[in-house]
C-alpha cells in the first residue's frame, strides 16, 4: 500500500510492485493470558495480571522479499485482512511480519 496524494485519504494499492500470492508461513495468533487469583492472604496475590499481543506471521526471507510496512496480508484460512505494522528479519533466513488488529475484508 502507498499513501494517496491527499494525506487525509485512505491508502491505495501500489501498482508499481507485484503482489505476492499464495505463500505458506507460520501463523502466530494474538495471545491473551490472565493470572488467576492466588490463594494467599496478601492483597498483592489478588493483582490483575494479563498479557495481550497482536498476531504475526513468520515466512522464509525469499518469500516476502520487498514487503513493507503498510502492506496488506490476507489470511487464507478465514479471509481476515491485516495491515503489516513491522517487518522483522531474524537473521536466520526467516522474517516475522507483525500485524495490526483484524480488519474487515475490502
N, C-alpha and C. Protein backbone atom coordinates (compact mmCIF):
# COMPACT_ATOMS: atom_id res chain seq x y z
N UNK A 1 0.84 -1.17 0.00
CA UNK A 1 0.00 0.00 0.00
C UNK A 1 0.90 1.24 0.00
N UNK A 2 0.38 2.28 -0.56
CA UNK A 2 1.12 3.55 -0.56
C UNK A 2 0.14 4.67 -0.23
N UNK A 3 0.64 5.74 0.37
CA UNK A 3 -0.27 6.83 0.70
C UNK A 3 -0.79 7.50 -0.55
N UNK A 4 -2.01 7.99 -0.46
CA UNK A 4 -2.59 8.70 -1.58
C UNK A 4 -2.00 10.10 -1.64
N UNK A 5 -2.35 10.85 -2.67
CA UNK A 5 -1.86 12.21 -2.82
C UNK A 5 -2.34 13.08 -1.65
N UNK A 6 -3.58 12.92 -1.26
CA UNK A 6 -4.13 13.64 -0.13
C UNK A 6 -3.79 12.87 1.15
N UNK A 7 -3.11 13.49 2.10
CA UNK A 7 -2.67 12.80 3.30
C UNK A 7 -3.83 12.34 4.18
N UNK A 8 -5.00 12.90 3.99
CA UNK A 8 -6.16 12.52 4.80
C UNK A 8 -7.01 11.43 4.16
N UNK A 9 -6.66 11.00 2.97
CA UNK A 9 -7.44 9.95 2.31
C UNK A 9 -6.88 8.58 2.65
N UNK A 10 -7.60 7.55 2.27
CA UNK A 10 -7.15 6.18 2.52
C UNK A 10 -5.96 5.84 1.63
N UNK A 11 -5.16 4.88 2.07
CA UNK A 11 -4.03 4.46 1.25
C UNK A 11 -4.53 3.66 0.05
N UNK A 12 -3.75 3.67 -1.00
CA UNK A 12 -4.11 2.99 -2.25
C UNK A 12 -3.10 1.90 -2.55
N UNK A 13 -3.52 0.96 -3.35
CA UNK A 13 -2.61 -0.11 -3.75
C UNK A 13 -1.47 0.47 -4.58
N UNK A 14 -0.25 -0.02 -4.34
CA UNK A 14 0.93 0.41 -5.08
C UNK A 14 1.06 -0.49 -6.30
N UNK A 15 0.63 0.00 -7.46
CA UNK A 15 0.62 -0.82 -8.67
C UNK A 15 2.01 -1.02 -9.28
N UNK A 16 3.01 -0.30 -8.78
CA UNK A 16 4.36 -0.47 -9.31
C UNK A 16 5.05 -1.71 -8.74
N UNK A 17 4.47 -2.33 -7.73
CA UNK A 17 5.04 -3.54 -7.13
C UNK A 17 4.12 -4.73 -7.39
N UNK A 18 4.72 -5.87 -7.61
CA UNK A 18 3.94 -7.09 -7.87
C UNK A 18 3.35 -7.63 -6.57
N UNK A 19 2.15 -8.21 -6.66
CA UNK A 19 1.55 -8.84 -5.49
C UNK A 19 2.23 -10.17 -5.21
N UNK A 20 2.34 -10.50 -3.94
CA UNK A 20 2.84 -11.82 -3.54
C UNK A 20 1.62 -12.66 -3.21
N UNK A 21 1.44 -13.74 -3.92
CA UNK A 21 0.23 -14.54 -3.76
C UNK A 21 0.55 -15.95 -3.32
N UNK A 22 -0.32 -16.51 -2.50
CA UNK A 22 -0.33 -17.92 -2.16
C UNK A 22 1.00 -18.43 -1.61
N UNK A 23 1.43 -17.87 -0.48
CA UNK A 23 2.62 -18.39 0.19
C UNK A 23 2.21 -18.95 1.54
N UNK A 24 2.99 -19.88 2.04
CA UNK A 24 2.70 -20.50 3.32
C UNK A 24 3.71 -20.04 4.35
N UNK A 25 3.23 -19.83 5.56
CA UNK A 25 4.10 -19.41 6.65
C UNK A 25 3.57 -19.94 7.96
N UNK A 26 4.18 -19.51 9.04
CA UNK A 26 3.77 -19.93 10.38
C UNK A 26 2.95 -18.81 10.99
N UNK A 27 1.70 -19.09 11.33
CA UNK A 27 0.79 -18.11 11.90
C UNK A 27 0.91 -18.13 13.42
N UNK A 28 1.03 -16.96 14.01
CA UNK A 28 1.08 -16.82 15.47
C UNK A 28 -0.05 -15.89 15.86
N UNK A 29 -1.14 -16.45 16.33
CA UNK A 29 -2.32 -15.66 16.66
C UNK A 29 -2.11 -14.79 17.88
N UNK A 30 -3.00 -13.85 18.08
CA UNK A 30 -2.89 -12.99 19.26
C UNK A 30 -3.06 -13.81 20.53
N UNK A 31 -2.29 -13.48 21.54
CA UNK A 31 -2.37 -14.21 22.80
C UNK A 31 -2.98 -13.34 23.88
N UNK A 32 -3.66 -13.95 24.76
CA UNK A 32 -4.12 -13.28 25.96
C UNK A 32 -3.93 -14.25 27.11
N UNK A 33 -3.59 -13.76 28.26
CA UNK A 33 -3.46 -14.62 29.41
C UNK A 33 -3.84 -13.83 30.66
N UNK A 34 -4.32 -14.54 31.61
CA UNK A 34 -4.69 -13.93 32.89
C UNK A 34 -4.14 -14.80 33.99
N UNK A 35 -3.73 -14.17 35.04
CA UNK A 35 -3.26 -14.91 36.20
C UNK A 35 -4.44 -15.06 37.15
N UNK A 36 -4.82 -16.27 37.48
CA UNK A 36 -5.97 -16.45 38.38
C UNK A 36 -5.64 -15.96 39.78
N UNK A 37 -6.66 -15.74 40.57
CA UNK A 37 -6.47 -15.30 41.94
C UNK A 37 -5.67 -16.33 42.71
N UNK A 38 -4.67 -15.84 43.43
CA UNK A 38 -3.87 -16.74 44.25
C UNK A 38 -4.61 -17.06 45.54
N UNK A 39 -4.15 -18.07 46.23
CA UNK A 39 -4.80 -18.48 47.47
C UNK A 39 -4.17 -17.83 48.69
N UNK A 40 -3.19 -16.94 48.46
CA UNK A 40 -2.54 -16.28 49.59
C UNK A 40 -3.45 -15.27 50.25
N UNK A 41 -3.01 -14.79 51.40
CA UNK A 41 -3.83 -13.84 52.15
C UNK A 41 -3.45 -12.39 51.87
N UNK A 42 -2.38 -12.16 51.15
CA UNK A 42 -1.94 -10.79 50.86
C UNK A 42 -2.72 -10.21 49.70
N UNK A 43 -2.94 -8.91 49.73
CA UNK A 43 -3.67 -8.25 48.65
C UNK A 43 -2.90 -8.34 47.33
N UNK A 44 -1.56 -8.38 47.37
CA UNK A 44 -0.76 -8.49 46.16
C UNK A 44 -1.04 -9.79 45.41
N UNK A 45 -1.47 -10.80 46.13
CA UNK A 45 -1.78 -12.07 45.49
C UNK A 45 -3.04 -11.99 44.63
N UNK A 46 -3.79 -10.93 44.78
CA UNK A 46 -5.05 -10.77 44.06
C UNK A 46 -4.90 -9.75 42.92
N UNK A 47 -3.67 -9.46 42.51
CA UNK A 47 -3.41 -8.45 41.48
C UNK A 47 -3.94 -8.93 40.13
N UNK A 48 -4.26 -7.99 39.28
CA UNK A 48 -4.77 -8.31 37.95
C UNK A 48 -3.60 -8.34 36.98
N UNK A 49 -3.19 -9.50 36.60
CA UNK A 49 -2.07 -9.67 35.66
C UNK A 49 -2.61 -10.21 34.35
N UNK A 50 -2.23 -9.60 33.24
CA UNK A 50 -2.65 -10.10 31.94
C UNK A 50 -1.69 -9.62 30.87
N UNK A 51 -1.66 -10.34 29.78
CA UNK A 51 -0.84 -10.01 28.62
C UNK A 51 -1.72 -10.06 27.38
N UNK A 52 -1.39 -9.26 26.42
CA UNK A 52 -2.10 -9.29 25.14
C UNK A 52 -1.11 -8.96 24.04
N UNK A 53 -1.34 -9.50 22.87
CA UNK A 53 -0.45 -9.21 21.75
C UNK A 53 -1.26 -9.20 20.46
N UNK A 54 -0.62 -8.75 19.40
CA UNK A 54 -1.24 -8.76 18.09
C UNK A 54 -0.72 -9.97 17.32
N UNK A 55 -1.39 -10.36 16.27
CA UNK A 55 -0.94 -11.52 15.50
C UNK A 55 0.33 -11.23 14.71
N UNK A 56 1.01 -12.29 14.32
CA UNK A 56 2.18 -12.16 13.45
C UNK A 56 2.24 -13.40 12.57
N UNK A 57 3.04 -13.30 11.52
CA UNK A 57 3.25 -14.42 10.61
C UNK A 57 4.74 -14.50 10.31
N UNK A 58 5.25 -15.71 10.19
CA UNK A 58 6.67 -15.93 10.01
C UNK A 58 6.87 -16.66 8.68
N UNK A 59 7.78 -16.13 7.83
CA UNK A 59 7.99 -16.66 6.48
C UNK A 59 9.48 -16.79 6.19
N UNK A 60 9.81 -17.61 5.17
CA UNK A 60 11.17 -17.63 4.64
C UNK A 60 11.45 -16.27 4.01
N UNK A 61 12.69 -15.78 4.16
CA UNK A 61 13.05 -14.47 3.63
C UNK A 61 12.73 -14.30 2.16
N UNK A 62 13.01 -15.32 1.36
CA UNK A 62 12.80 -15.22 -0.08
C UNK A 62 11.35 -15.04 -0.47
N UNK A 63 10.43 -15.53 0.36
CA UNK A 63 9.01 -15.43 0.03
C UNK A 63 8.45 -14.03 0.24
N UNK A 64 9.02 -13.29 1.17
CA UNK A 64 8.46 -11.98 1.50
C UNK A 64 9.42 -10.83 1.17
N UNK A 65 10.33 -11.07 0.26
CA UNK A 65 11.26 -10.02 -0.14
C UNK A 65 10.47 -8.84 -0.73
N UNK A 66 10.75 -7.64 -0.28
CA UNK A 66 10.08 -6.45 -0.79
C UNK A 66 8.84 -6.06 -0.02
N UNK A 67 8.45 -6.84 0.97
CA UNK A 67 7.26 -6.49 1.77
C UNK A 67 7.61 -5.30 2.66
N UNK A 68 6.68 -4.37 2.78
CA UNK A 68 6.92 -3.14 3.54
C UNK A 68 5.82 -2.91 4.57
N UNK A 69 6.14 -2.05 5.52
CA UNK A 69 5.13 -1.60 6.48
C UNK A 69 3.99 -0.93 5.71
N UNK A 70 2.77 -1.24 6.10
CA UNK A 70 1.61 -0.68 5.41
C UNK A 70 1.01 -1.60 4.37
N UNK A 71 1.75 -2.64 3.96
CA UNK A 71 1.19 -3.62 3.02
C UNK A 71 0.10 -4.41 3.73
N UNK A 72 -0.72 -5.09 2.95
CA UNK A 72 -1.85 -5.84 3.48
C UNK A 72 -1.62 -7.33 3.33
N UNK A 73 -1.97 -8.10 4.36
CA UNK A 73 -1.87 -9.55 4.33
C UNK A 73 -3.28 -10.11 4.55
N UNK A 74 -3.69 -11.05 3.70
CA UNK A 74 -4.98 -11.71 3.85
C UNK A 74 -4.73 -13.16 4.22
N UNK A 75 -5.26 -13.57 5.35
CA UNK A 75 -5.10 -14.96 5.81
C UNK A 75 -6.08 -15.84 5.06
N UNK A 76 -5.58 -16.88 4.43
CA UNK A 76 -6.41 -17.74 3.60
C UNK A 76 -7.44 -18.53 4.41
N UNK A 77 -7.10 -18.92 5.63
CA UNK A 77 -7.97 -19.76 6.43
C UNK A 77 -9.33 -19.12 6.69
N UNK A 78 -9.35 -17.84 7.04
CA UNK A 78 -10.61 -17.18 7.38
C UNK A 78 -10.84 -15.87 6.63
N UNK A 79 -10.00 -15.58 5.65
CA UNK A 79 -10.09 -14.37 4.82
C UNK A 79 -9.99 -13.08 5.63
N UNK A 80 -9.40 -13.14 6.80
CA UNK A 80 -9.20 -11.94 7.61
C UNK A 80 -8.10 -11.10 6.98
N UNK A 81 -8.25 -9.79 7.01
CA UNK A 81 -7.30 -8.87 6.39
C UNK A 81 -6.56 -8.12 7.49
N UNK A 82 -5.23 -8.08 7.40
CA UNK A 82 -4.39 -7.42 8.37
C UNK A 82 -3.45 -6.46 7.65
N UNK A 83 -3.08 -5.39 8.32
CA UNK A 83 -2.07 -4.48 7.78
C UNK A 83 -0.75 -4.82 8.46
N UNK A 84 0.33 -4.81 7.68
CA UNK A 84 1.65 -5.12 8.23
C UNK A 84 2.16 -3.87 8.96
N UNK A 85 2.45 -4.05 10.25
CA UNK A 85 2.90 -2.95 11.09
C UNK A 85 4.43 -2.87 11.12
N UNK A 86 5.06 -4.04 11.07
CA UNK A 86 6.53 -4.07 11.19
C UNK A 86 7.07 -5.31 10.50
N UNK A 87 8.18 -5.17 9.81
CA UNK A 87 8.86 -6.29 9.16
C UNK A 87 10.15 -6.55 9.93
N UNK A 88 10.29 -7.74 10.52
CA UNK A 88 11.42 -8.05 11.39
C UNK A 88 12.17 -9.28 10.90
N UNK A 89 13.29 -9.10 10.18
CA UNK A 89 14.10 -10.26 9.81
C UNK A 89 14.84 -10.78 11.05
N UNK A 90 14.95 -12.11 11.18
CA UNK A 90 15.58 -12.65 12.39
C UNK A 90 17.05 -13.03 12.19
N UNK A 91 17.58 -12.90 10.98
CA UNK A 91 18.98 -13.21 10.75
C UNK A 91 19.25 -14.68 10.50
N UNK A 92 18.24 -15.51 10.54
CA UNK A 92 18.40 -16.95 10.32
C UNK A 92 17.58 -17.42 9.13
N UNK A 93 17.33 -16.52 8.18
CA UNK A 93 16.61 -16.90 6.97
C UNK A 93 15.09 -16.80 7.09
N UNK A 94 14.59 -16.22 8.16
CA UNK A 94 13.15 -16.07 8.35
C UNK A 94 12.84 -14.61 8.64
N UNK A 95 11.64 -14.19 8.28
CA UNK A 95 11.18 -12.83 8.54
C UNK A 95 9.82 -12.91 9.22
N UNK A 96 9.66 -12.15 10.30
CA UNK A 96 8.38 -12.08 11.00
C UNK A 96 7.68 -10.80 10.60
N UNK A 97 6.41 -10.93 10.20
CA UNK A 97 5.59 -9.77 9.88
C UNK A 97 4.65 -9.54 11.06
N UNK A 98 4.85 -8.44 11.77
CA UNK A 98 3.95 -8.10 12.87
C UNK A 98 2.76 -7.39 12.28
N UNK A 99 1.57 -7.82 12.66
CA UNK A 99 0.35 -7.38 12.01
C UNK A 99 -0.50 -6.53 12.94
N UNK A 100 -1.38 -5.76 12.33
CA UNK A 100 -2.32 -4.94 13.09
C UNK A 100 -3.48 -5.81 13.57
N UNK A 101 -4.40 -5.19 14.26
CA UNK A 101 -5.61 -5.90 14.63
C UNK A 101 -6.37 -6.28 13.36
N UNK A 102 -7.25 -7.23 13.50
CA UNK A 102 -8.02 -7.72 12.35
C UNK A 102 -8.87 -6.60 11.75
N UNK A 103 -8.90 -6.55 10.45
CA UNK A 103 -9.69 -5.56 9.74
C UNK A 103 -10.80 -6.26 8.97
N UNK A 104 -11.76 -5.49 8.55
CA UNK A 104 -12.83 -6.05 7.71
C UNK A 104 -12.28 -6.30 6.31
N UNK A 105 -12.86 -7.24 5.63
CA UNK A 105 -12.46 -7.51 4.24
C UNK A 105 -12.83 -6.33 3.37
N UNK A 106 -12.03 -6.07 2.34
CA UNK A 106 -12.28 -4.93 1.44
C UNK A 106 -13.42 -5.21 0.52
